[in-house]
Structures are given as C-alpha cells and as structure tokens.
C-alpha cells in the first residue's frame, strides 16, 4: 500500500501529554523553547548550531507538517495535556514503510527535563507506531556520550544492538562520535 494513502491519527495522548503533528502557527512556542534550551541543545543537535529565528522555525514546522501528510517523516510535538504548554519535539523519522520501521528522535525544553516527560512521550510514540502503523522495528540512535538520551531507551526496554564507532560528527563539527543503536521489534 502507498503510505500516502494510509489513514491514521495526527495526534494521540498519554497520561500527561498531547502528542501531535506540527501545525501552522506552532513556530512561536517551539522557537521560545529552543531559545530557552539552546545551551543544552547545542551539545547534541546540529540544528542548534545555527542562529534560529521564529520565522525559520515556523517554516521548518510547516515543511514538517507537509512531510507528515506525505508520510515522508512524522515529526511530532509534545504538549502538557492540562496546560497546553509545549514540552519538546520528537517523531518517527526515516520511515521504511515496506517493513515498516522508524527511528525515534527527541529533544526536550530544558525547563521540563527530569520529570519523565520524554520517557512518557517516547513510550507513547512507540506504542502508537506499533499499534497504528504496524511497525515491526523502532530504533533510537544517540551519541554515546549523551547519558540523558541513552537513559530513555534503557528505561523503556529497548535493546542496545550495537555501537557504530566514528559514525557521526559531533554537533559542533569538531570531532568524530560513536552512535549507540537501540531497538525494539515486534
């Protein structure tokens, strides 16, 4: 089946979270979150190395919305269900619809870290992928030095399948990095 013809929800909830596709107008809250978390994000994410603007974030989120509709990439935004406060971003990336398999990536507004939100979100996204998208494999890749990112798949029972040595360049481009590959299969 052509993935663009697949019908599935563009949002779902967990105990504390609303997880949904980006919509036009989300740029402002995501931009504010990136600005408040830039020092933490710069350590791990290449996009945080460039100067951000509300307009560039808005444009990026509109592109993400279009890719969601086309089923090319399933970016998801995470909000507190009660307050509607933006918490972070995640998604099901690099889809291979023939298997189907996905990679979960994530970042959190540092003002909300340490409360279990991202662990809850990743569990919800994995459940969504397995139930709604009939995923057979979900991967989480992270820098081997990113202890907080690595803790999430470990908490959720993902298996560390391997370490790709000298697999990537650090976010600031200064050195080679190793990548941990975690996975869950059904």
C-alpha atoms as a PDB file:
ATOM      1  CA  UNK A   1       0.000   0.000   0.000  1.00  0.00           C
ATOM      2  CA  UNK A   2       1.155   3.514  -0.785  1.00  0.00           C
ATOM      3  CA  UNK A   3       1.906   5.195   2.594  1.00  0.00           C
ATOM      4  CA  UNK A   4       0.366   8.487   1.464  1.00  0.00           C
ATOM      5  CA  UNK A   5      -2.994   6.700   1.365  1.00  0.00           C
ATOM      6  CA  UNK A   6      -2.678   5.448   4.949  1.00  0.00           C
ATOM      7  CA  UNK A   7      -5.143   6.961   7.363  1.00  0.00           C
ATOM      8  CA  UNK A   8      -4.022   7.266  10.968  1.00  0.00           C
ATOM      9  CA  UNK A   9      -4.472   9.872  13.685  1.00  0.00           C
ATOM     10  CA  UNK A  10      -2.345  13.007  13.625  1.00  0.00           C
ATOM     11  CA  UNK A  11      -2.479  13.206  17.415  1.00  0.00           C
ATOM     12  CA  UNK A  12      -2.802  10.994  20.475  1.00  0.00           C
ATOM     13  CA  UNK A  13      -2.449  11.275  24.221  1.00  0.00           C
ATOM     14  CA  UNK A  14      -0.612   9.616  27.067  1.00  0.00           C
ATOM     15  CA  UNK A  15      -1.316  10.050  30.761  1.00  0.00           C
ATOM     16  CA  UNK A  16       0.053  13.619  30.881  1.00  0.00           C
ATOM     17  CA  UNK A  17       0.786  14.502  27.262  1.00  0.00           C
ATOM     18  CA  UNK A  18      -0.815  15.502  23.982  1.00  0.00           C
ATOM     19  CA  UNK A  19       1.403  14.409  21.099  1.00  0.00           C
ATOM     20  CA  UNK A  20       0.580  15.746  17.656  1.00  0.00           C
ATOM     21  CA  UNK A  21       1.848  16.760  14.257  1.00  0.00           C
ATOM     22  CA  UNK A  22       3.041  20.363  13.891  1.00  0.00           C
ATOM     23  CA  UNK A  23       0.531  22.885  12.592  1.00  0.00           C
ATOM     24  CA  UNK A  24       0.992  26.328  11.078  1.00  0.00           C
ATOM     25  CA  UNK A  25       1.420  28.771  13.942  1.00  0.00           C
ATOM     26  CA  UNK A  26       3.453  26.445  16.188  1.00  0.00           C
ATOM     27  CA  UNK A  27       6.705  28.245  15.356  1.00  0.00           C
ATOM     28  CA  UNK A  28       6.453  30.762  18.178  1.00  0.00           C
ATOM     29  CA  UNK A  29       6.256  28.255  21.048  1.00  0.00           C
ATOM     30  CA  UNK A  30       8.890  25.978  19.552  1.00  0.00           C
ATOM     31  CA  UNK A  31      11.215  28.944  18.943  1.00  0.00           C
ATOM     32  CA  UNK A  32      10.814  30.107  22.550  1.00  0.00           C
ATOM     33  CA  UNK A  33      11.573  26.593  23.753  1.00  0.00           C
ATOM     34  CA  UNK A  34      14.702  26.322  21.604  1.00  0.00           C
ATOM     35  CA  UNK A  35      15.900  29.743  22.817  1.00  0.00           C
ATOM     36  CA  UNK A  36      15.479  28.767  26.466  1.00  0.00           C
ATOM     37  CA  UNK A  37      17.235  25.418  25.908  1.00  0.00           C
ATOM     38  CA  UNK A  38      19.897  26.400  23.386  1.00  0.00           C
ATOM     39  CA  UNK A  39      22.896  25.681  25.642  1.00  0.00           C
ATOM     40  CA  UNK A  40      21.736  22.107  26.253  1.00  0.00           C
ATOM     41  CA  UNK A  41      20.645  21.521  22.648  1.00  0.00           C
ATOM     42  CA  UNK A  42      23.939  22.787  21.193  1.00  0.00           C
ATOM     43  CA  UNK A  43      25.809  19.917  22.832  1.00  0.00           C
ATOM     44  CA  UNK A  44      23.945  17.291  20.810  1.00  0.00           C
ATOM     45  CA  UNK A  45      21.955  18.704  17.891  1.00  0.00           C
ATOM     46  CA  UNK A  46      23.354  20.146  14.671  1.00  0.00           C
ATOM     47  CA  UNK A  47      20.308  22.373  14.073  1.00  0.00           C
ATOM     48  CA  UNK A  48      21.088  24.214  17.321  1.00  0.00           C
ATOM     49  CA  UNK A  49      24.468  25.322  15.950  1.00  0.00           C
ATOM     50  CA  UNK A  50      22.835  27.797  13.568  1.00  0.00           C
ATOM     51  CA  UNK A  51      21.122  31.014  14.535  1.00  0.00           C
ATOM     52  CA  UNK A  52      17.398  30.343  14.888  1.00  0.00           C
ATOM     53  CA  UNK A  53      14.523  32.726  14.230  1.00  0.00           C
ATOM     54  CA  UNK A  54      10.814  32.409  14.822  1.00  0.00           C
ATOM     55  CA  UNK A  55      10.272  32.587  11.046  1.00  0.00           C
ATOM     56  CA  UNK A  56      12.801  29.852  10.251  1.00  0.00           C
ATOM     57  CA  UNK A  57      11.279  27.580  12.895  1.00  0.00           C
ATOM     58  CA  UNK A  58       7.767  28.303  11.557  1.00  0.00           C
ATOM     59  CA  UNK A  59       8.910  27.459   8.023  1.00  0.00           C
ATOM     60  CA  UNK A  60      10.554  24.254   9.259  1.00  0.00           C
ATOM     61  CA  UNK A  61       7.395  23.187  11.095  1.00  0.00           C
ATOM     62  CA  UNK A  62       5.230  23.865   8.027  1.00  0.00           C
ATOM     63  CA  UNK A  63       7.572  21.667   5.997  1.00  0.00           C
ATOM     64  CA  UNK A  64       7.303  19.010   8.721  1.00  0.00           C
ATOM     65  CA  UNK A  65       3.500  19.225   8.535  1.00  0.00           C
ATOM     66  CA  UNK A  66       3.652  18.682   4.757  1.00  0.00           C
ATOM     67  CA  UNK A  67       6.033  15.726   5.170  1.00  0.00           C
ATOM     68  CA  UNK A  68       3.646  14.230   7.741  1.00  0.00           C
ATOM     69  CA  UNK A  69       0.805  14.395   5.204  1.00  0.00           C
ATOM     70  CA  UNK A  70       3.073  12.853   2.551  1.00  0.00           C
ATOM     71  CA  UNK A  71       4.195  10.209   5.112  1.00  0.00           C
ATOM     72  CA  UNK A  72       7.852  11.075   4.402  1.00  0.00           C
ATOM     73  CA  UNK A  73       8.625  11.945   8.045  1.00  0.00           C
ATOM     74  CA  UNK A  74       6.341  12.009  11.077  1.00  0.00           C
ATOM     75  CA  UNK A  75       7.506  14.900  13.273  1.00  0.00           C
ATOM     76  CA  UNK A  76       5.550  15.196  16.499  1.00  0.00           C
ATOM     77  CA  UNK A  77       5.258  17.991  19.038  1.00  0.00           C
ATOM     78  CA  UNK A  78       4.716  17.257  22.727  1.00  0.00           C
ATOM     79  CA  UNK A  79       2.431  19.335  24.940  1.00  0.00           C
ATOM     80  CA  UNK A  80       1.256  19.121  28.541  1.00  0.00           C
ATOM     81  CA  UNK A  81      -2.300  17.810  28.242  1.00  0.00           C
ATOM     82  CA  UNK A  82      -3.686  20.056  31.002  1.00  0.00           C
ATOM     83  CA  UNK A  83      -1.847  23.340  30.384  1.00  0.00           C
ATOM     84  CA  UNK A  84      -1.125  23.022  26.632  1.00  0.00           C
ATOM     85  CA  UNK A  85       2.481  24.081  27.409  1.00  0.00           C
ATOM     86  CA  UNK A  86       4.962  22.979  24.730  1.00  0.00           C
ATOM     87  CA  UNK A  87       7.438  20.454  26.204  1.00  0.00           C
ATOM     88  CA  UNK A  88       9.517  19.111  23.345  1.00  0.00           C
ATOM     89  CA  UNK A  89       9.749  17.569  19.921  1.00  0.00           C
ATOM     90  CA  UNK A  90      10.024  14.006  18.743  1.00  0.00           C
ATOM     91  CA  UNK A  91       8.806  11.928  15.870  1.00  0.00           C
ATOM     92  CA  UNK A  92       9.045   8.829  13.781  1.00  0.00           C
ATOM     93  CA  UNK A  93      11.826   9.546  11.329  1.00  0.00           C
ATOM     94  CA  UNK A  94      13.456   7.774   8.376  1.00  0.00           C
ATOM     95  CA  UNK A  95      10.415   5.586   7.747  1.00  0.00           C
ATOM     96  CA  UNK A  96      10.769   2.389   5.794  1.00  0.00           C
ATOM     97  CA  UNK A  97       7.134   1.581   5.051  1.00  0.00           C
ATOM     98  CA  UNK A  98       7.917  -1.816   3.493  1.00  0.00           C
ATOM     99  CA  UNK A  99       8.990  -3.313   6.834  1.00  0.00           C
ATOM    100  CA  UNK A 100       7.635  -0.941   8.450  1.00  0.00           C
ATOM    101  CA  UNK A 101      10.289   0.577  10.690  1.00  0.00           C
ATOM    102  CA  UNK A 102      11.031   4.013  12.130  1.00  0.00           C
ATOM    103  CA  UNK A 103      13.603   5.902  14.138  1.00  0.00           C
ATOM    104  CA  UNK A 104      12.506   7.927  17.164  1.00  0.00           C
ATOM    105  CA  UNK A 105      14.408  11.129  17.780  1.00  0.00           C
ATOM    106  CA  UNK A 106      13.695  13.650  20.529  1.00  0.00           C
ATOM    107  CA  UNK A 107      14.639  16.812  22.346  1.00  0.00           C
ATOM    108  CA  UNK A 108      13.071  18.481  25.368  1.00  0.00           C
ATOM    109  CA  UNK A 109      12.733  22.049  26.568  1.00  0.00           C
ATOM    110  CA  UNK A 110      15.283  22.065  29.393  1.00  0.00           C
ATOM    111  CA  UNK A 111      12.744  23.725  31.698  1.00  0.00           C
ATOM    112  CA  UNK A 112      10.822  20.407  31.654  1.00  0.00           C
ATOM    113  CA  UNK A 113      13.667  17.894  31.811  1.00  0.00           C
ATOM    114  CA  UNK A 114      13.990  15.491  34.703  1.00  0.00           C
ATOM    115  CA  UNK A 115      10.229  14.939  35.115  1.00  0.00           C
ATOM    116  CA  UNK A 116       9.829  11.839  32.951  1.00  0.00           C
ATOM    117  CA  UNK A 117       8.002  13.657  30.148  1.00  0.00           C
ATOM    118  CA  UNK A 118      10.276  12.481  27.360  1.00  0.00           C
ATOM    119  CA  UNK A 119      10.283   8.895  28.603  1.00  0.00           C
ATOM    120  CA  UNK A 120       6.463   9.009  28.642  1.00  0.00           C
ATOM    121  CA  UNK A 121       6.390  10.593  25.178  1.00  0.00           C
ATOM    122  CA  UNK A 122       8.777   8.043  23.656  1.00  0.00           C
ATOM    123  CA  UNK A 123       6.755   5.180  25.155  1.00  0.00           C
ATOM    124  CA  UNK A 124       3.573   6.707  23.724  1.00  0.00           C
ATOM    125  CA  UNK A 125       5.164   7.215  20.315  1.00  0.00           C
ATOM    126  CA  UNK A 126       6.482   3.642  20.258  1.00  0.00           C
ATOM    127  CA  UNK A 127       3.036   2.326  21.244  1.00  0.00           C
ATOM    128  CA  UNK A 128       1.459   4.462  18.503  1.00  0.00           C
ATOM    129  CA  UNK A 129       3.944   3.140  15.922  1.00  0.00           C
ATOM    130  CA  UNK A 130       3.349  -0.486  16.870  1.00  0.00           C
ATOM    131  CA  UNK A 131      -0.442  -0.247  17.112  1.00  0.00           C
ATOM    132  CA  UNK A 132      -1.421   2.326  14.465  1.00  0.00           C
ATOM    133  CA  UNK A 133       1.402   1.965  11.942  1.00  0.00           C
ATOM    134  CA  UNK A 134       2.024  -1.764  12.452  1.00  0.00           C
ATOM    135  CA  UNK A 135       5.732  -1.119  12.976  1.00  0.00           C
ATOM    136  CA  UNK A 136       7.963  -4.165  13.169  1.00  0.00           C
ATOM    137  CA  UNK A 137      11.056  -2.245  14.315  1.00  0.00           C
ATOM    138  CA  UNK A 138      11.717   1.026  16.122  1.00  0.00           C
ATOM    139  CA  UNK A 139      15.208   2.389  16.564  1.00  0.00           C
ATOM    140  CA  UNK A 140      16.640   5.076  18.822  1.00  0.00           C
ATOM    141  CA  UNK A 141      20.092   6.365  17.919  1.00  0.00           C
ATOM    142  CA  UNK A 142      22.081   8.620  20.202  1.00  0.00           C
ATOM    143  CA  UNK A 143      25.585   9.917  20.785  1.00  0.00           C
ATOM    144  CA  UNK A 144      27.415   7.523  23.090  1.00  0.00           C
ATOM    145  CA  UNK A 145      28.256  10.445  25.404  1.00  0.00           C
ATOM    146  CA  UNK A 146      24.647  11.652  25.743  1.00  0.00           C
ATOM    147  CA  UNK A 147      23.764   9.915  29.013  1.00  0.00           C
ATOM    148  CA  UNK A 148      20.317  11.508  29.344  1.00  0.00           C
ATOM    149  CA  UNK A 149      19.276  10.493  25.845  1.00  0.00           C
ATOM    150  CA  UNK A 150      20.661   6.982  26.328  1.00  0.00           C
ATOM    151  CA  UNK A 151      18.705   6.531  29.571  1.00  0.00           C
ATOM    152  CA  UNK A 152      15.347   6.730  27.789  1.00  0.00           C
ATOM    153  CA  UNK A 153      15.621   3.591  25.611  1.00  0.00           C
ATOM    154  CA  UNK A 154      17.252   1.779  28.513  1.00  0.00           C
ATOM    155  CA  UNK A 155      14.290   2.640  30.797  1.00  0.00           C
ATOM    156  CA  UNK A 156      11.813   1.535  28.131  1.00  0.00           C
ATOM    157  CA  UNK A 157      13.348  -1.872  27.489  1.00  0.00           C
ATOM    158  CA  UNK A 158      14.943  -1.176  24.114  1.00  0.00           C
ATOM    159  CA  UNK A 159      17.886  -3.441  23.328  1.00  0.00           C
ATOM    160  CA  UNK A 160      21.294  -1.934  22.693  1.00  0.00           C
ATOM    161  CA  UNK A 161      22.113  -3.658  19.420  1.00  0.00           C
ATOM    162  CA  UNK A 162      25.462  -2.057  18.843  1.00  0.00           C
ATOM    163  CA  UNK A 163      27.776   0.885  18.759  1.00  0.00           C
ATOM    164  CA  UNK A 164      28.746   2.430  15.446  1.00  0.00           C
ATOM    165  CA  UNK A 165      32.245   3.727  16.047  1.00  0.00           C
ATOM    166  CA  UNK A 166      33.270   7.001  14.394  1.00  0.00           C
ATOM    167  CA  UNK A 167      29.784   7.034  12.890  1.00  0.00           C
ATOM    168  CA  UNK A 168      28.983  10.724  13.106  1.00  0.00           C
ATOM    169  CA  UNK A 169      30.459  14.136  13.698  1.00  0.00           C
ATOM    170  CA  UNK A 170      29.796  15.947  16.967  1.00  0.00           C
ATOM    171  CA  UNK A 171      27.093  18.616  16.790  1.00  0.00           C
ATOM    172  CA  UNK A 172      29.734  21.364  16.738  1.00  0.00           C
ATOM    173  CA  UNK A 173      31.662  19.564  13.964  1.00  0.00           C
ATOM    174  CA  UNK A 174      34.873  19.309  15.980  1.00  0.00           C
ATOM    175  CA  UNK A 175      35.343  15.537  16.338  1.00  0.00           C
ATOM    176  CA  UNK A 176      34.081  12.087  15.377  1.00  0.00           C
ATOM    177  CA  UNK A 177      31.454  10.473  17.606  1.00  0.00           C
ATOM    178  CA  UNK A 178      30.209   6.988  18.317  1.00  0.00           C
ATOM    179  CA  UNK A 179      26.495   6.221  17.980  1.00  0.00           C
ATOM    180  CA  UNK A 180      24.506   3.801  20.120  1.00  0.00           C
ATOM    181  CA  UNK A 181      21.746   1.917  18.271  1.00  0.00           C
ATOM    182  CA  UNK A 182      18.838   0.773  20.431  1.00  0.00           C
ATOM    183  CA  UNK A 183      15.852  -1.118  19.015  1.00  0.00           C
ATOM    184  CA  UNK A 184      12.540  -2.716  19.854  1.00  0.00           C
ATOM    185  CA  UNK A 185      10.965  -5.233  17.498  1.00  0.00           C
ATOM    186  CA  UNK A 186       7.563  -6.876  17.206  1.00  0.00           C
END
